[in-house]
Amino acid sequence: MWNSSENGLTNIYLTTYYWFINKNWLATAYTGLILCFISFSFTWAFIPESPKWLYAKERYADLRAVLIYMAKLNGVKLDPHKSQVYKLGPHLDEGLGEVSSDDDAEEEADNQPLMMV
């Protein structure tokens, strides 16, 4: 966790450095701007949208893709006929959301909406 006293000390060090030692602060400002742009670009390019946001916006196809990607990244193998991931929202792919169980209690539990916390 970032400590506020460390942030204050950093400001004091930088202020002292640019007040007494070096008057060229533009190079540091441009370096910070470039690093910020690079980190934002990598974040935007490689981190997918939040599953909670996708669910709220009813983008179920994208939600499935993100959840499957996250499961694969964590080494979890999903079964298309048993996993709740494939039963989110309106079923865009025929046959993926069908329940093949005869047990009424299990079928009722499978038809419940998936809660995103």
C-alpha atoms as a PDB file:
ATOM      1  CA  MET A   1       0.000   0.000   0.000  1.00  0.00           C
ATOM      2  CA  TRP A   2       1.256   3.447  -0.898  1.00  0.00           C
ATOM      3  CA  ASN A   3       2.137   5.416   2.185  1.00  0.00           C
ATOM      4  CA  SER A   4       1.170   9.086   2.107  1.00  0.00           C
ATOM      5  CA  SER A   5       4.345  10.089   3.954  1.00  0.00           C
ATOM      6  CA  GLU A   6       6.435   8.481   1.192  1.00  0.00           C
ATOM      7  CA  ASN A   7       4.508  10.513  -1.374  1.00  0.00           C
ATOM      8  CA  GLY A   8       5.191  13.676   0.627  1.00  0.00           C
ATOM      9  CA  LEU A   9       8.896  12.855   0.907  1.00  0.00           C
ATOM     10  CA  THR A  10       9.080  12.269  -2.840  1.00  0.00           C
ATOM     11  CA  ASN A  11       7.567  15.692  -3.426  1.00  0.00           C
ATOM     12  CA  ILE A  12      10.061  17.286  -1.020  1.00  0.00           C
ATOM     13  CA  TYR A  13      13.012  15.555  -2.721  1.00  0.00           C
ATOM     14  CA  LEU A  14      11.881  16.562  -6.206  1.00  0.00           C
ATOM     15  CA  THR A  15      11.138  20.125  -5.143  1.00  0.00           C
ATOM     16  CA  THR A  16      14.542  20.438  -3.511  1.00  0.00           C
ATOM     17  CA  TYR A  17      16.307  18.921  -6.521  1.00  0.00           C
ATOM     18  CA  TYR A  18      14.653  21.221  -9.060  1.00  0.00           C
ATOM     19  CA  TRP A  19      14.842  24.312  -6.836  1.00  0.00           C
ATOM     20  CA  PHE A  20      18.548  24.161  -6.013  1.00  0.00           C
ATOM     21  CA  ILE A  21      20.335  21.627  -8.235  1.00  0.00           C
ATOM     22  CA  ASN A  22      18.760  21.437 -11.674  1.00  0.00           C
ATOM     23  CA  LYS A  23      16.432  24.007 -13.203  1.00  0.00           C
ATOM     24  CA  ASN A  24      15.424  21.795 -16.158  1.00  0.00           C
ATOM     25  CA  TRP A  25      12.194  20.146 -14.977  1.00  0.00           C
ATOM     26  CA  LEU A  26      10.718  19.707 -18.470  1.00  0.00           C
ATOM     27  CA  ALA A  27      12.716  16.545 -19.161  1.00  0.00           C
ATOM     28  CA  THR A  28      11.258  14.881 -16.072  1.00  0.00           C
ATOM     29  CA  ALA A  29       7.750  16.059 -16.932  1.00  0.00           C
ATOM     30  CA  TYR A  30       8.029  14.691 -20.484  1.00  0.00           C
ATOM     31  CA  THR A  31       9.493  11.407 -19.204  1.00  0.00           C
ATOM     32  CA  GLY A  32       6.554  11.019 -16.825  1.00  0.00           C
ATOM     33  CA  LEU A  33       4.117  11.800 -19.623  1.00  0.00           C
ATOM     34  CA  ILE A  34       5.706   9.221 -21.927  1.00  0.00           C
ATOM     35  CA  LEU A  35       5.724   6.536 -19.199  1.00  0.00           C
ATOM     36  CA  CYS A  36       2.074   7.286 -18.418  1.00  0.00           C
ATOM     37  CA  PHE A  37       1.154   6.959 -22.106  1.00  0.00           C
ATOM     38  CA  ILE A  38       3.058   3.667 -22.439  1.00  0.00           C
ATOM     39  CA  SER A  39       1.426   2.156 -19.341  1.00  0.00           C
ATOM     40  CA  PHE A  40      -2.040   3.276 -20.476  1.00  0.00           C
ATOM     41  CA  SER A  41      -1.451   1.778 -23.940  1.00  0.00           C
ATOM     42  CA  PHE A  42      -0.432  -1.594 -22.506  1.00  0.00           C
ATOM     43  CA  THR A  43      -3.350  -1.570 -20.081  1.00  0.00           C
ATOM     44  CA  TRP A  44      -5.842  -0.732 -22.820  1.00  0.00           C
ATOM     45  CA  ALA A  45      -4.418  -3.302 -25.227  1.00  0.00           C
ATOM     46  CA  PHE A  46      -3.964  -6.325 -22.957  1.00  0.00           C
ATOM     47  CA  ILE A  47      -6.456  -6.103 -20.075  1.00  0.00           C
ATOM     48  CA  PRO A  48     -10.022  -7.052 -21.033  1.00  0.00           C
ATOM     49  CA  GLU A  49     -13.161  -5.363 -19.758  1.00  0.00           C
ATOM     50  CA  SER A  50     -14.475  -6.351 -16.363  1.00  0.00           C
ATOM     51  CA  PRO A  51     -16.878  -9.315 -16.433  1.00  0.00           C
ATOM     52  CA  LYS A  52     -19.158  -7.379 -14.080  1.00  0.00           C
ATOM     53  CA  TRP A  53     -19.319  -4.457 -16.520  1.00  0.00           C
ATOM     54  CA  LEU A  54     -19.927  -6.751 -19.505  1.00  0.00           C
ATOM     55  CA  TYR A  55     -22.767  -8.475 -17.611  1.00  0.00           C
ATOM     56  CA  ALA A  56     -24.328  -5.128 -16.679  1.00  0.00           C
ATOM     57  CA  LYS A  57     -24.196  -3.992 -20.316  1.00  0.00           C
ATOM     58  CA  GLU A  58     -25.689  -7.353 -21.460  1.00  0.00           C
ATOM     59  CA  ARG A  59     -22.717  -8.108 -23.724  1.00  0.00           C
ATOM     60  CA  TYR A  60     -22.966 -11.835 -23.055  1.00  0.00           C
ATOM     61  CA  ALA A  61     -20.842 -13.055 -25.974  1.00  0.00           C
ATOM     62  CA  ASP A  62     -17.942 -10.845 -24.862  1.00  0.00           C
ATOM     63  CA  LEU A  63     -18.555 -11.898 -21.253  1.00  0.00           C
ATOM     64  CA  ARG A  64     -18.271 -15.568 -22.177  1.00  0.00           C
ATOM     65  CA  ALA A  65     -15.079 -14.914 -24.121  1.00  0.00           C
ATOM     66  CA  VAL A  66     -13.499 -13.021 -21.198  1.00  0.00           C
ATOM     67  CA  LEU A  67     -14.504 -15.654 -18.632  1.00  0.00           C
ATOM     68  CA  ILE A  68     -13.220 -18.483 -20.836  1.00  0.00           C
ATOM     69  CA  TYR A  69      -9.953 -16.561 -21.332  1.00  0.00           C
ATOM     70  CA  MET A  70      -9.637 -16.058 -17.562  1.00  0.00           C
ATOM     71  CA  ALA A  71     -10.318 -19.736 -16.895  1.00  0.00           C
ATOM     72  CA  LYS A  72      -7.735 -20.780 -19.483  1.00  0.00           C
ATOM     73  CA  LEU A  73      -5.216 -18.351 -18.006  1.00  0.00           C
ATOM     74  CA  ASN A  74      -5.784 -19.919 -14.559  1.00  0.00           C
ATOM     75  CA  GLY A  75      -5.525 -23.475 -15.889  1.00  0.00           C
ATOM     76  CA  VAL A  76      -9.206 -24.347 -15.446  1.00  0.00           C
ATOM     77  CA  LYS A  77     -10.762 -26.563 -18.092  1.00  0.00           C
ATOM     78  CA  LEU A  78     -14.423 -25.737 -18.753  1.00  0.00           C
ATOM     79  CA  ASP A  79     -16.983 -28.274 -19.941  1.00  0.00           C
ATOM     80  CA  PRO A  80     -19.383 -26.561 -22.404  1.00  0.00           C
ATOM     81  CA  HIS A  81     -22.347 -28.631 -21.194  1.00  0.00           C
ATOM     82  CA  LYS A  82     -21.833 -28.268 -17.417  1.00  0.00           C
ATOM     83  CA  SER A  83     -20.203 -24.886 -16.902  1.00  0.00           C
ATOM     84  CA  GLN A  84     -22.315 -21.894 -15.835  1.00  0.00           C
ATOM     85  CA  VAL A  85     -20.192 -19.688 -18.108  1.00  0.00           C
ATOM     86  CA  TYR A  86     -21.974 -21.024 -21.174  1.00  0.00           C
ATOM     87  CA  LYS A  87     -25.411 -20.376 -19.643  1.00  0.00           C
ATOM     88  CA  LEU A  88     -25.083 -16.610 -19.233  1.00  0.00           C
ATOM     89  CA  GLY A  89     -27.736 -14.406 -20.783  1.00  0.00           C
ATOM     90  CA  PRO A  90     -29.587 -15.253 -23.979  1.00  0.00           C
ATOM     91  CA  HIS A  91     -28.056 -18.275 -25.640  1.00  0.00           C
ATOM     92  CA  LEU A  92     -26.418 -17.124 -28.829  1.00  0.00           C
ATOM     93  CA  ASP A  93     -25.028 -20.548 -29.651  1.00  0.00           C
ATOM     94  CA  GLU A  94     -27.624 -23.309 -29.964  1.00  0.00           C
ATOM     95  CA  GLY A  95     -27.131 -26.293 -27.710  1.00  0.00           C
ATOM     96  CA  LEU A  96     -24.620 -24.778 -25.305  1.00  0.00           C
ATOM     97  CA  GLY A  97     -27.159 -23.795 -22.666  1.00  0.00           C
ATOM     98  CA  GLU A  98     -29.278 -26.932 -22.724  1.00  0.00           C
ATOM     99  CA  VAL A  99     -29.536 -28.946 -19.535  1.00  0.00           C
ATOM    100  CA  SER A 100     -29.382 -32.702 -20.076  1.00  0.00           C
ATOM    101  CA  SER A 101     -30.303 -33.711 -16.521  1.00  0.00           C
ATOM    102  CA  ASP A 102     -33.542 -35.457 -15.505  1.00  0.00           C
ATOM    103  CA  ASP A 103     -33.328 -34.364 -11.887  1.00  0.00           C
ATOM    104  CA  ASP A 104     -35.757 -31.454 -11.355  1.00  0.00           C
ATOM    105  CA  ALA A 105     -33.817 -29.919  -8.473  1.00  0.00           C
ATOM    106  CA  GLU A 106     -30.578 -29.921 -10.450  1.00  0.00           C
ATOM    107  CA  GLU A 107     -32.348 -28.504 -13.490  1.00  0.00           C
ATOM    108  CA  GLU A 108     -33.926 -25.747 -11.400  1.00  0.00           C
ATOM    109  CA  ALA A 109     -30.539 -24.871  -9.869  1.00  0.00           C
ATOM    110  CA  ASP A 110     -28.928 -24.749 -13.311  1.00  0.00           C
ATOM    111  CA  ASN A 111     -31.574 -22.331 -14.599  1.00  0.00           C
ATOM    112  CA  GLN A 112     -30.908 -19.787 -11.865  1.00  0.00           C
ATOM    113  CA  PRO A 113     -29.097 -16.664 -13.093  1.00  0.00           C
ATOM    114  CA  LEU A 114     -25.404 -16.480 -12.312  1.00  0.00           C
ATOM    115  CA  MET A 115     -24.682 -13.876  -9.658  1.00  0.00           C
ATOM    116  CA  MET A 116     -21.723 -11.616 -10.393  1.00  0.00           C
ATOM    117  CA  VAL A 117     -20.247 -10.217  -7.162  1.00  0.00           C
END
